[in-house]
Amino acid sequence: YQFSPKPNTPFVMDEDTLTPLIRVRLSDISPELGNKLLAATKDDLSSN
């Protein structure tokens, strides 16, 4: 993800104005990470 940091600029998402932040999509290059999270079993999700 290439970007110029904007640490003093509020982030606008939909109709909400949020504190300065960045949002990075982790599924565009590969769905592997997202699919691993979705593959977690009930036991894996039973506690932190």
All heavy atoms as atom14 arrays in JSON, in Angstrom:
{
  "sequence": "YQFSPKPNTPFVMDEDTLTPLIRVRLSDISPELGNKLLAATKDDLSSN",
  "atom14_mask": [
    [1, 1, 1, 1, 1, 1, 1, 1, 1, 1, 1, 1, 0, 0],
    [1, 1, 1, 1, 1, 1, 1, 1, 1, 0, 0, 0, 0, 0],
    [1, 1, 1, 1, 1, 1, 1, 1, 1, 1, 1, 0, 0, 0],
    [1, 1, 1, 1, 1, 1, 0, 0, 0, 0, 0, 0, 0, 0],
    [1, 1, 1, 1, 1, 1, 1, 0, 0, 0, 0, 0, 0, 0],
    [1, 1, 1, 1, 1, 1, 1, 1, 1, 0, 0, 0, 0, 0],
    [1, 1, 1, 1, 1, 1, 1, 0, 0, 0, 0, 0, 0, 0],
    [1, 1, 1, 1, 1, 1, 1, 1, 0, 0, 0, 0, 0, 0],
    [1, 1, 1, 1, 1, 1, 1, 0, 0, 0, 0, 0, 0, 0],
    [1, 1, 1, 1, 1, 1, 1, 0, 0, 0, 0, 0, 0, 0],
    [1, 1, 1, 1, 1, 1, 1, 1, 1, 1, 1, 0, 0, 0],
    [1, 1, 1, 1, 1, 1, 1, 0, 0, 0, 0, 0, 0, 0],
    [1, 1, 1, 1, 1, 1, 1, 1, 0, 0, 0, 0, 0, 0],
    [1, 1, 1, 1, 1, 1, 1, 1, 0, 0, 0, 0, 0, 0],
    [1, 1, 1, 1, 1, 1, 1, 1, 1, 0, 0, 0, 0, 0],
    [1, 1, 1, 1, 1, 1, 1, 1, 0, 0, 0, 0, 0, 0],
    [1, 1, 1, 1, 1, 1, 1, 0, 0, 0, 0, 0, 0, 0],
    [1, 1, 1, 1, 1, 1, 1, 1, 0, 0, 0, 0, 0, 0],
    [1, 1, 1, 1, 1, 1, 1, 0, 0, 0, 0, 0, 0, 0],
    [1, 1, 1, 1, 1, 1, 1, 0, 0, 0, 0, 0, 0, 0],
    [1, 1, 1, 1, 1, 1, 1, 1, 0, 0, 0, 0, 0, 0],
    [1, 1, 1, 1, 1, 1, 1, 1, 0, 0, 0, 0, 0, 0],
    [1, 1, 1, 1, 1, 1, 1, 1, 1, 1, 1, 0, 0, 0],
    [1, 1, 1, 1, 1, 1, 1, 0, 0, 0, 0, 0, 0, 0],
    [1, 1, 1, 1, 1, 1, 1, 1, 1, 1, 1, 0, 0, 0],
    [1, 1, 1, 1, 1, 1, 1, 1, 0, 0, 0, 0, 0, 0],
    [1, 1, 1, 1, 1, 1, 0, 0, 0, 0, 0, 0, 0, 0],
    [1, 1, 1, 1, 1, 1, 1, 1, 0, 0, 0, 0, 0, 0],
    [1, 1, 1, 1, 1, 1, 1, 1, 0, 0, 0, 0, 0, 0],
    [1, 1, 1, 1, 1, 1, 0, 0, 0, 0, 0, 0, 0, 0],
    [1, 1, 1, 1, 1, 1, 1, 0, 0, 0, 0, 0, 0, 0],
    [1, 1, 1, 1, 1, 1, 1, 1, 1, 0, 0, 0, 0, 0],
    [1, 1, 1, 1, 1, 1, 1, 1, 0, 0, 0, 0, 0, 0],
    [1, 1, 1, 1, 0, 0, 0, 0, 0, 0, 0, 0, 0, 0],
    [1, 1, 1, 1, 1, 1, 1, 1, 0, 0, 0, 0, 0, 0],
    [1, 1, 1, 1, 1, 1, 1, 1, 1, 0, 0, 0, 0, 0],
    [1, 1, 1, 1, 1, 1, 1, 1, 0, 0, 0, 0, 0, 0],
    [1, 1, 1, 1, 1, 1, 1, 1, 0, 0, 0, 0, 0, 0],
    [1, 1, 1, 1, 1, 0, 0, 0, 0, 0, 0, 0, 0, 0],
    [1, 1, 1, 1, 1, 0, 0, 0, 0, 0, 0, 0, 0, 0],
    [1, 1, 1, 1, 1, 1, 1, 0, 0, 0, 0, 0, 0, 0],
    [1, 1, 1, 1, 1, 1, 1, 1, 1, 0, 0, 0, 0, 0],
    [1, 1, 1, 1, 1, 1, 1, 1, 0, 0, 0, 0, 0, 0],
    [1, 1, 1, 1, 1, 1, 1, 1, 0, 0, 0, 0, 0, 0],
    [1, 1, 1, 1, 1, 1, 1, 1, 0, 0, 0, 0, 0, 0],
    [1, 1, 1, 1, 1, 1, 0, 0, 0, 0, 0, 0, 0, 0],
    [1, 1, 1, 1, 1, 1, 0, 0, 0, 0, 0, 0, 0, 0],
    [1, 1, 1, 1, 1, 1, 1, 1, 0, 0, 0, 0, 0, 0]
  ],
  "atom14_positions": [
    [[0.84, -1.19, 0.0], [0.0, 0.0, 0.0], [0.88, 1.25, 0.0], [1.71, 1.45, 0.9], [-0.89, -0.02, 1.24], [-1.79, 1.19, 1.41], [-2.79, 1.45, 0.48], [-1.66, 2.03, 2.51], [-3.63, 2.54, 0.63], [-2.49, 3.12, 2.68], [-3.47, 3.38, 1.74], [-4.31, 4.46, 1.9], [0.0, 0.0, 0.0], [0.0, 0.0, 0.0]],
    [[0.74, 2.08, -1.02], [1.53, 3.31, -1.12], [0.66, 4.51, -0.76], [-0.46, 4.65, -1.26], [2.09, 3.45, -2.54], [3.1, 2.38, -2.9], [3.73, 2.6, -4.26], [3.13, 3.2, -5.15], [4.95, 2.11, -4.43], [0.0, 0.0, 0.0], [0.0, 0.0, 0.0], [0.0, 0.0, 0.0], [0.0, 0.0, 0.0], [0.0, 0.0, 0.0]],
    [[1.21, 5.37, 0.08], [0.43, 6.52, 0.54], [1.36, 7.57, 1.14], [2.5, 7.28, 1.49], [-0.59, 6.08, 1.59], [0.03, 5.69, 2.92], [-0.14, 6.48, 4.04], [0.8, 4.54, 3.05], [0.43, 6.13, 5.26], [1.36, 4.17, 4.26], [1.18, 4.98, 5.37], [0.0, 0.0, 0.0], [0.0, 0.0, 0.0], [0.0, 0.0, 0.0]],
    [[0.84, 8.79, 1.25], [1.5, 9.85, 2.0], [0.78, 9.97, 3.34], [-0.44, 10.19, 3.36], [1.43, 11.19, 1.25], [2.15, 11.12, 0.05], [0.0, 0.0, 0.0], [0.0, 0.0, 0.0], [0.0, 0.0, 0.0], [0.0, 0.0, 0.0], [0.0, 0.0, 0.0], [0.0, 0.0, 0.0], [0.0, 0.0, 0.0], [0.0, 0.0, 0.0]],
    [[1.48, 9.83, 4.44], [0.81, 9.89, 5.76], [0.1, 11.22, 5.95], [0.61, 12.28, 5.58], [1.97, 9.73, 6.74], [3.04, 9.04, 5.96], [2.93, 9.55, 4.57], [0.0, 0.0, 0.0], [0.0, 0.0, 0.0], [0.0, 0.0, 0.0], [0.0, 0.0, 0.0], [0.0, 0.0, 0.0], [0.0, 0.0, 0.0], [0.0, 0.0, 0.0]],
    [[-1.07, 11.16, 6.57], [-1.84, 12.36, 6.89], [-2.26, 12.3, 8.35], [-3.45, 12.12, 8.67], [-3.06, 12.48, 5.96], [-2.7, 12.73, 4.5], [-3.94, 12.85, 3.64], [-3.59, 13.31, 2.22], [-2.61, 12.45, 1.56], [0.0, 0.0, 0.0], [0.0, 0.0, 0.0], [0.0, 0.0, 0.0], [0.0, 0.0, 0.0], [0.0, 0.0, 0.0]],
    [[-1.31, 12.45, 9.25], [-1.59, 12.27, 10.67], [-2.43, 13.37, 11.29], [-2.9, 13.22, 12.43], [-0.19, 12.22, 11.3], [0.67, 12.98, 10.35], [0.12, 12.71, 8.99], [0.0, 0.0, 0.0], [0.0, 0.0, 0.0], [0.0, 0.0, 0.0], [0.0, 0.0, 0.0], [0.0, 0.0, 0.0], [0.0, 0.0, 0.0], [0.0, 0.0, 0.0]],
    [[-2.62, 14.47, 10.57], [-3.42, 15.58, 11.12], [-4.73, 15.79, 10.38], [-5.45, 16.75, 10.65], [-2.61, 16.88, 11.08], [-1.37, 16.82, 11.95], [-1.41, 16.29, 13.06], [-0.26, 17.34, 11.46], [0.0, 0.0, 0.0], [0.0, 0.0, 0.0], [0.0, 0.0, 0.0], [0.0, 0.0, 0.0], [0.0, 0.0, 0.0], [0.0, 0.0, 0.0]],
    [[-5.05, 14.9, 9.46], [-6.26, 15.05, 8.65], [-7.32, 14.05, 9.07], [-7.09, 12.84, 9.01], [-5.94, 14.83, 7.15], [-4.91, 15.74, 6.76], [-7.17, 15.06, 6.31], [0.0, 0.0, 0.0], [0.0, 0.0, 0.0], [0.0, 0.0, 0.0], [0.0, 0.0, 0.0], [0.0, 0.0, 0.0], [0.0, 0.0, 0.0], [0.0, 0.0, 0.0]],
    [[-8.5, 14.52, 9.51], [-9.58, 13.58, 9.87], [-9.93, 12.68, 8.7], [-9.87, 13.09, 7.53], [-10.74, 14.51, 10.23], [-10.09, 15.8, 10.63], [-8.89, 15.93, 9.75], [0.0, 0.0, 0.0], [0.0, 0.0, 0.0], [0.0, 0.0, 0.0], [0.0, 0.0, 0.0], [0.0, 0.0, 0.0], [0.0, 0.0, 0.0], [0.0, 0.0, 0.0]],
    [[-10.27, 11.44, 9.02], [-10.61, 10.47, 7.98], [-12.12, 10.44, 7.79], [-12.88, 10.29, 8.75], [-10.11, 9.08, 8.38], [-10.26, 8.04, 7.31], [-9.28, 7.87, 6.35], [-11.4, 7.25, 7.25], [-9.41, 6.92, 5.36], [-11.55, 6.3, 6.26], [-10.55, 6.13, 5.31], [0.0, 0.0, 0.0], [0.0, 0.0, 0.0], [0.0, 0.0, 0.0]],
    [[-12.57, 10.59, 6.56], [-14.0, 10.58, 6.25], [-14.36, 9.23, 5.64], [-13.79, 8.81, 4.63], [-14.37, 11.72, 5.28], [-15.86, 11.67, 4.96], [-14.0, 13.08, 5.89], [0.0, 0.0, 0.0], [0.0, 0.0, 0.0], [0.0, 0.0, 0.0], [0.0, 0.0, 0.0], [0.0, 0.0, 0.0], [0.0, 0.0, 0.0], [0.0, 0.0, 0.0]],
    [[-15.31, 8.53, 6.27], [-15.78, 7.25, 5.77], [-17.3, 7.27, 5.73], [-17.94, 7.47, 6.78], [-15.27, 6.1, 6.65], [-15.62, 4.73, 6.09], [-14.78, 3.38, 6.96], [-15.52, 3.51, 8.57], [0.0, 0.0, 0.0], [0.0, 0.0, 0.0], [0.0, 0.0, 0.0], [0.0, 0.0, 0.0], [0.0, 0.0, 0.0], [0.0, 0.0, 0.0]],
    [[-17.85, 7.08, 4.55], [-19.29, 7.23, 4.34], [-19.68, 8.65, 4.76], [-19.17, 9.62, 4.22], [-20.06, 6.16, 5.09], [-19.71, 4.75, 4.6], [-19.41, 4.62, 3.4], [-19.72, 3.8, 5.4], [0.0, 0.0, 0.0], [0.0, 0.0, 0.0], [0.0, 0.0, 0.0], [0.0, 0.0, 0.0], [0.0, 0.0, 0.0], [0.0, 0.0, 0.0]],
    [[-20.53, 8.78, 5.76], [-20.93, 10.11, 6.22], [-20.31, 10.45, 7.57], [-20.66, 11.47, 8.17], [-22.46, 10.18, 6.31], [-23.16, 10.03, 4.96], [-24.66, 10.12, 5.09], [-25.16, 10.25, 6.24], [-25.36, 10.09, 4.05], [0.0, 0.0, 0.0], [0.0, 0.0, 0.0], [0.0, 0.0, 0.0], [0.0, 0.0, 0.0], [0.0, 0.0, 0.0]],
    [[-19.38, 9.63, 8.01], [-18.76, 9.84, 9.32], [-17.38, 10.48, 9.16], [-16.62, 10.12, 8.25], [-18.61, 8.53, 10.08], [-19.96, 7.92, 10.43], [-20.9, 8.71, 10.66], [-20.06, 6.68, 10.48], [0.0, 0.0, 0.0], [0.0, 0.0, 0.0], [0.0, 0.0, 0.0], [0.0, 0.0, 0.0], [0.0, 0.0, 0.0], [0.0, 0.0, 0.0]],
    [[-17.07, 11.41, 10.04], [-15.73, 12.0, 10.11], [-15.03, 11.43, 11.33], [-15.46, 11.65, 12.47], [-15.8, 13.53, 10.2], [-16.48, 14.04, 9.04], [-14.41, 14.14, 10.27], [0.0, 0.0, 0.0], [0.0, 0.0, 0.0], [0.0, 0.0, 0.0], [0.0, 0.0, 0.0], [0.0, 0.0, 0.0], [0.0, 0.0, 0.0], [0.0, 0.0, 0.0]],
    [[-13.96, 10.7, 11.1], [-13.26, 9.99, 12.16], [-11.91, 10.66, 12.46], [-11.45, 11.52, 11.72], [-13.03, 8.53, 11.75], [-14.27, 7.75, 11.32], [-13.88, 6.35, 10.84], [-15.28, 7.66, 12.46], [0.0, 0.0, 0.0], [0.0, 0.0, 0.0], [0.0, 0.0, 0.0], [0.0, 0.0, 0.0], [0.0, 0.0, 0.0], [0.0, 0.0, 0.0]],
    [[-11.32, 10.25, 13.55], [-9.97, 10.71, 13.88], [-9.01, 10.3, 12.77], [-9.29, 9.36, 12.02], [-9.54, 10.09, 15.23], [-8.34, 10.71, 15.68], [-9.33, 8.6, 15.1], [0.0, 0.0, 0.0], [0.0, 0.0, 0.0], [0.0, 0.0, 0.0], [0.0, 0.0, 0.0], [0.0, 0.0, 0.0], [0.0, 0.0, 0.0], [0.0, 0.0, 0.0]],
    [[-7.85, 10.98, 12.61], [-6.92, 10.6, 11.54], [-6.51, 9.14, 11.63], [-6.09, 8.65, 12.69], [-5.72, 11.54, 11.79], [-6.31, 12.74, 12.44], [-7.41, 12.21, 13.32], [0.0, 0.0, 0.0], [0.0, 0.0, 0.0], [0.0, 0.0, 0.0], [0.0, 0.0, 0.0], [0.0, 0.0, 0.0], [0.0, 0.0, 0.0], [0.0, 0.0, 0.0]],
    [[-6.64, 8.43, 10.51], [-6.31, 7.0, 10.46], [-6.07, 6.59, 9.02], [-6.31, 7.35, 8.08], [-7.43, 6.15, 11.11], [-8.87, 6.3, 10.59], [-9.11, 5.45, 9.33], [-9.86, 5.88, 11.66], [0.0, 0.0, 0.0], [0.0, 0.0, 0.0], [0.0, 0.0, 0.0], [0.0, 0.0, 0.0], [0.0, 0.0, 0.0], [0.0, 0.0, 0.0]],
    [[-5.58, 5.36, 8.86], [-5.46, 4.78, 7.52], [-6.21, 3.45, 7.5], [-6.34, 2.78, 8.53], [-4.0, 4.57, 7.08], [-3.3, 3.55, 7.99], [-3.24, 5.88, 7.05], [-1.97, 3.1, 7.46], [0.0, 0.0, 0.0], [0.0, 0.0, 0.0], [0.0, 0.0, 0.0], [0.0, 0.0, 0.0], [0.0, 0.0, 0.0], [0.0, 0.0, 0.0]],
    [[-6.72, 3.11, 6.32], [-7.4, 1.82, 6.1], [-6.7, 1.13, 4.92], [-6.56, 1.72, 3.84], [-8.88, 2.03, 5.8], [-9.7, 2.38, 7.03], [-11.15, 2.73, 6.68], [-11.84, 1.66, 5.98], [-12.46, 0.63, 6.58], [-12.45, 0.54, 7.91], [-13.09, -0.28, 5.87], [0.0, 0.0, 0.0], [0.0, 0.0, 0.0], [0.0, 0.0, 0.0]],
    [[-6.26, -0.09, 5.17], [-5.49, -0.84, 4.17], [-6.2, -2.17, 3.91], [-6.43, -2.95, 4.84], [-4.05, -1.11, 4.67], [-3.25, -1.81, 3.58], [-3.38, 0.2, 5.09], [0.0, 0.0, 0.0], [0.0, 0.0, 0.0], [0.0, 0.0, 0.0], [0.0, 0.0, 0.0], [0.0, 0.0, 0.0], [0.0, 0.0, 0.0], [0.0, 0.0, 0.0]],
    [[-6.54, -2.43, 2.64], [-7.19, -3.7, 2.28], [-6.14, -4.8, 2.21], [-5.12, -4.66, 1.52], [-7.92, -3.56, 0.95], [-9.15, -2.66, 1.02], [-9.73, -2.41, -0.36], [-10.19, -3.65, -1.0], [-11.44, -4.11, -0.91], [-12.35, -3.43, -0.21], [-11.79, -5.23, -1.52], [0.0, 0.0, 0.0], [0.0, 0.0, 0.0], [0.0, 0.0, 0.0]],
    [[-6.38, -5.88, 2.94], [-5.45, -7.0, 3.01], [-5.94, -8.21, 2.21], [-5.43, -9.32, 2.39], [-5.23, -7.42, 4.47], [-4.74, -6.33, 5.43], [-4.51, -6.92, 6.82], [-3.46, -5.67, 4.92], [0.0, 0.0, 0.0], [0.0, 0.0, 0.0], [0.0, 0.0, 0.0], [0.0, 0.0, 0.0], [0.0, 0.0, 0.0], [0.0, 0.0, 0.0]],
    [[-6.9, -8.0, 1.35], [-7.47, -9.11, 0.58], [-7.37, -8.92, -0.92], [-7.74, -9.82, -1.68], [-8.94, -9.32, 0.97], [-9.66, -8.1, 0.9], [0.0, 0.0, 0.0], [0.0, 0.0, 0.0], [0.0, 0.0, 0.0], [0.0, 0.0, 0.0], [0.0, 0.0, 0.0], [0.0, 0.0, 0.0], [0.0, 0.0, 0.0], [0.0, 0.0, 0.0]],
    [[-6.87, -7.78, -1.38], [-6.82, -7.54, -2.82], [-5.71, -8.35, -3.5], [-5.9, -8.88, -4.6], [-6.6, -6.05, -3.11], [-7.84, -5.21, -2.79], [-8.9, -5.83, -2.52], [-7.75, -3.98, -2.81], [0.0, 0.0, 0.0], [0.0, 0.0, 0.0], [0.0, 0.0, 0.0], [0.0, 0.0, 0.0], [0.0, 0.0, 0.0], [0.0, 0.0, 0.0]],
    [[-4.57, -8.44, -2.86], [-3.45, -9.18, -3.44], [-3.67, -10.68, -3.32], [-3.43, -11.44, -4.26], [-2.13, -8.77, -2.76], [-1.81, -7.31, -3.09], [-0.98, -9.68, -3.2], [-0.59, -6.77, -2.38], [0.0, 0.0, 0.0], [0.0, 0.0, 0.0], [0.0, 0.0, 0.0], [0.0, 0.0, 0.0], [0.0, 0.0, 0.0], [0.0, 0.0, 0.0]],
    [[-4.15, -11.1, -2.16], [-4.41, -12.52, -1.93], [-5.5, -12.66, -0.87], [-5.49, -11.93, 0.13], [-3.14, -13.23, -1.45], [-3.43, -14.53, -0.97], [0.0, 0.0, 0.0], [0.0, 0.0, 0.0], [0.0, 0.0, 0.0], [0.0, 0.0, 0.0], [0.0, 0.0, 0.0], [0.0, 0.0, 0.0], [0.0, 0.0, 0.0], [0.0, 0.0, 0.0]],
    [[-6.43, -13.62, -1.06], [-7.47, -13.84, -0.05], [-7.02, -14.77, 1.07], [-7.8, -15.1, 1.96], [-8.59, -14.48, -0.87], [-7.87, -15.26, -1.92], [-6.64, -14.44, -2.27], [0.0, 0.0, 0.0], [0.0, 0.0, 0.0], [0.0, 0.0, 0.0], [0.0, 0.0, 0.0], [0.0, 0.0, 0.0], [0.0, 0.0, 0.0], [0.0, 0.0, 0.0]],
    [[-5.76, -15.2, 1.02], [-5.26, -16.23, 1.93], [-5.46, -15.86, 3.4], [-5.91, -16.69, 4.21], [-3.78, -16.48, 1.64], [-3.12, -17.47, 2.57], [-1.62, -17.56, 2.32], [-1.14, -17.02, 1.3], [-0.92, -18.15, 3.15], [0.0, 0.0, 0.0], [0.0, 0.0, 0.0], [0.0, 0.0, 0.0], [0.0, 0.0, 0.0], [0.0, 0.0, 0.0]],
    [[-5.13, -14.64, 3.77], [-5.23, -14.24, 5.17], [-6.67, -14.21, 5.63], [-7.01, -14.72, 6.72], [-4.57, -12.86, 5.36], [-4.25, -12.44, 6.79], [-3.23, -13.38, 7.41], [-3.7, -11.01, 6.8], [0.0, 0.0, 0.0], [0.0, 0.0, 0.0], [0.0, 0.0, 0.0], [0.0, 0.0, 0.0], [0.0, 0.0, 0.0], [0.0, 0.0, 0.0]],
    [[-7.55, -13.61, 4.83], [-8.95, -13.56, 5.19], [-9.57, -14.94, 5.27], [-10.36, -15.24, 6.18], [0.0, 0.0, 0.0], [0.0, 0.0, 0.0], [0.0, 0.0, 0.0], [0.0, 0.0, 0.0], [0.0, 0.0, 0.0], [0.0, 0.0, 0.0], [0.0, 0.0, 0.0], [0.0, 0.0, 0.0], [0.0, 0.0, 0.0], [0.0, 0.0, 0.0]],
    [[-9.2, -15.82, 4.35], [-9.74, -17.18, 4.36], [-9.26, -17.96, 5.58], [-10.0, -18.8, 6.11], [-9.35, -17.91, 3.08], [-10.14, -17.44, 1.87], [-11.25, -16.9, 2.02], [-9.59, -17.62, 0.69], [0.0, 0.0, 0.0], [0.0, 0.0, 0.0], [0.0, 0.0, 0.0], [0.0, 0.0, 0.0], [0.0, 0.0, 0.0], [0.0, 0.0, 0.0]],
    [[-8.04, -17.69, 6.02], [-7.56, -18.37, 7.22], [-8.4, -17.95, 8.43], [-8.74, -18.79, 9.27], [-6.09, -18.06, 7.47], [-5.57, -18.71, 8.74], [-4.07, -18.58, 8.9], [-3.61, -19.3, 10.17], [-2.14, -19.31, 10.33], [0.0, 0.0, 0.0], [0.0, 0.0, 0.0], [0.0, 0.0, 0.0], [0.0, 0.0, 0.0], [0.0, 0.0, 0.0]],
    [[-8.73, -16.68, 8.53], [-9.55, -16.23, 9.65], [-10.95, -16.85, 9.58], [-11.51, -17.27, 10.61], [-9.65, -14.71, 9.66], [-8.33, -13.96, 9.94], [-8.51, -12.47, 9.74], [-7.83, -14.26, 11.35], [0.0, 0.0, 0.0], [0.0, 0.0, 0.0], [0.0, 0.0, 0.0], [0.0, 0.0, 0.0], [0.0, 0.0, 0.0], [0.0, 0.0, 0.0]],
    [[-11.52, -16.93, 8.4], [-12.86, -17.51, 8.26], [-12.85, -19.02, 8.52], [-13.88, -19.61, 8.86], [-13.41, -17.26, 6.85], [-13.83, -15.82, 6.54], [-14.29, -15.71, 5.09], [-14.92, -15.34, 7.48], [0.0, 0.0, 0.0], [0.0, 0.0, 0.0], [0.0, 0.0, 0.0], [0.0, 0.0, 0.0], [0.0, 0.0, 0.0], [0.0, 0.0, 0.0]],
    [[-11.69, -19.65, 8.37], [-11.58, -21.09, 8.58], [-11.41, -21.47, 10.05], [-11.35, -22.66, 10.38], [-10.43, -21.66, 7.76], [0.0, 0.0, 0.0], [0.0, 0.0, 0.0], [0.0, 0.0, 0.0], [0.0, 0.0, 0.0], [0.0, 0.0, 0.0], [0.0, 0.0, 0.0], [0.0, 0.0, 0.0], [0.0, 0.0, 0.0], [0.0, 0.0, 0.0]],
    [[-11.33, -20.48, 10.93], [-11.17, -20.76, 12.36], [-12.38, -21.56, 12.87], [-13.53, -21.23, 12.57], [-11.04, -19.46, 13.14], [0.0, 0.0, 0.0], [0.0, 0.0, 0.0], [0.0, 0.0, 0.0], [0.0, 0.0, 0.0], [0.0, 0.0, 0.0], [0.0, 0.0, 0.0], [0.0, 0.0, 0.0], [0.0, 0.0, 0.0], [0.0, 0.0, 0.0]],
    [[-12.1, -22.61, 13.63], [-13.18, -23.46, 14.16], [-13.79, -22.82, 15.4], [-13.3, -21.81, 15.92], [-12.63, -24.84, 14.53], [-11.7, -24.7, 15.62], [-11.92, -25.47, 13.33], [0.0, 0.0, 0.0], [0.0, 0.0, 0.0], [0.0, 0.0, 0.0], [0.0, 0.0, 0.0], [0.0, 0.0, 0.0], [0.0, 0.0, 0.0], [0.0, 0.0, 0.0]],
    [[-14.87, -23.45, 15.89], [-15.48, -22.97, 17.13], [-14.5, -23.03, 18.29], [-14.49, -22.14, 19.15], [-16.74, -23.78, 17.44], [-17.9, -23.5, 16.51], [-19.14, -24.28, 16.93], [-20.32, -23.98, 16.0], [-21.55, -24.72, 16.4], [0.0, 0.0, 0.0], [0.0, 0.0, 0.0], [0.0, 0.0, 0.0], [0.0, 0.0, 0.0], [0.0, 0.0, 0.0]],
    [[-13.67, -24.06, 18.3], [-12.65, -24.15, 19.36], [-11.64, -23.01, 19.23], [-11.22, -22.42, 20.23], [-11.92, -25.49, 19.27], [-12.78, -26.65, 19.75], [-13.78, -26.38, 20.45], [-12.46, -27.8, 19.4], [0.0, 0.0, 0.0], [0.0, 0.0, 0.0], [0.0, 0.0, 0.0], [0.0, 0.0, 0.0], [0.0, 0.0, 0.0], [0.0, 0.0, 0.0]],
    [[-11.23, -22.68, 18.0], [-10.28, -21.58, 17.78], [-10.88, -20.24, 18.22], [-10.14, -19.34, 18.64], [-9.9, -21.49, 16.31], [-9.14, -22.72, 15.83], [-8.42, -23.34, 16.63], [-9.3, -23.06, 14.62], [0.0, 0.0, 0.0], [0.0, 0.0, 0.0], [0.0, 0.0, 0.0], [0.0, 0.0, 0.0], [0.0, 0.0, 0.0], [0.0, 0.0, 0.0]],
    [[-12.19, -20.13, 18.12], [-12.87, -18.86, 18.45], [-13.48, -18.89, 19.85], [-14.22, -17.97, 20.23], [-13.97, -18.59, 17.42], [-13.53, -18.46, 15.97], [-14.73, -18.35, 15.04], [-12.6, -17.26, 15.79], [0.0, 0.0, 0.0], [0.0, 0.0, 0.0], [0.0, 0.0, 0.0], [0.0, 0.0, 0.0], [0.0, 0.0, 0.0], [0.0, 0.0, 0.0]],
    [[-13.16, -19.9, 20.65], [-13.77, -20.04, 21.97], [-13.23, -19.06, 22.99], [-13.89, -18.74, 23.97], [-13.58, -21.48, 22.48], [-12.19, -21.77, 22.65], [0.0, 0.0, 0.0], [0.0, 0.0, 0.0], [0.0, 0.0, 0.0], [0.0, 0.0, 0.0], [0.0, 0.0, 0.0], [0.0, 0.0, 0.0], [0.0, 0.0, 0.0], [0.0, 0.0, 0.0]],
    [[-12.01, -18.59, 22.79], [-11.39, -17.63, 23.72], [-10.26, -16.91, 22.99], [-9.79, -17.36, 21.93], [-10.84, -18.34, 24.96], [-9.73, -19.16, 24.61], [0.0, 0.0, 0.0], [0.0, 0.0, 0.0], [0.0, 0.0, 0.0], [0.0, 0.0, 0.0], [0.0, 0.0, 0.0], [0.0, 0.0, 0.0], [0.0, 0.0, 0.0], [0.0, 0.0, 0.0]],
    [[-9.8, -15.81, 23.58], [-8.7, -15.07, 22.96], [-7.42, -15.89, 22.95], [-6.66, -15.85, 21.98], [-8.48, -13.75, 23.69], [-9.49, -12.7, 23.27], [-9.66, -12.44, 22.09], [-10.16, -12.1, 24.23], [0.0, 0.0, 0.0], [0.0, 0.0, 0.0], [0.0, 0.0, 0.0], [0.0, 0.0, 0.0], [0.0, 0.0, 0.0], [0.0, 0.0, 0.0]]
  ]
}
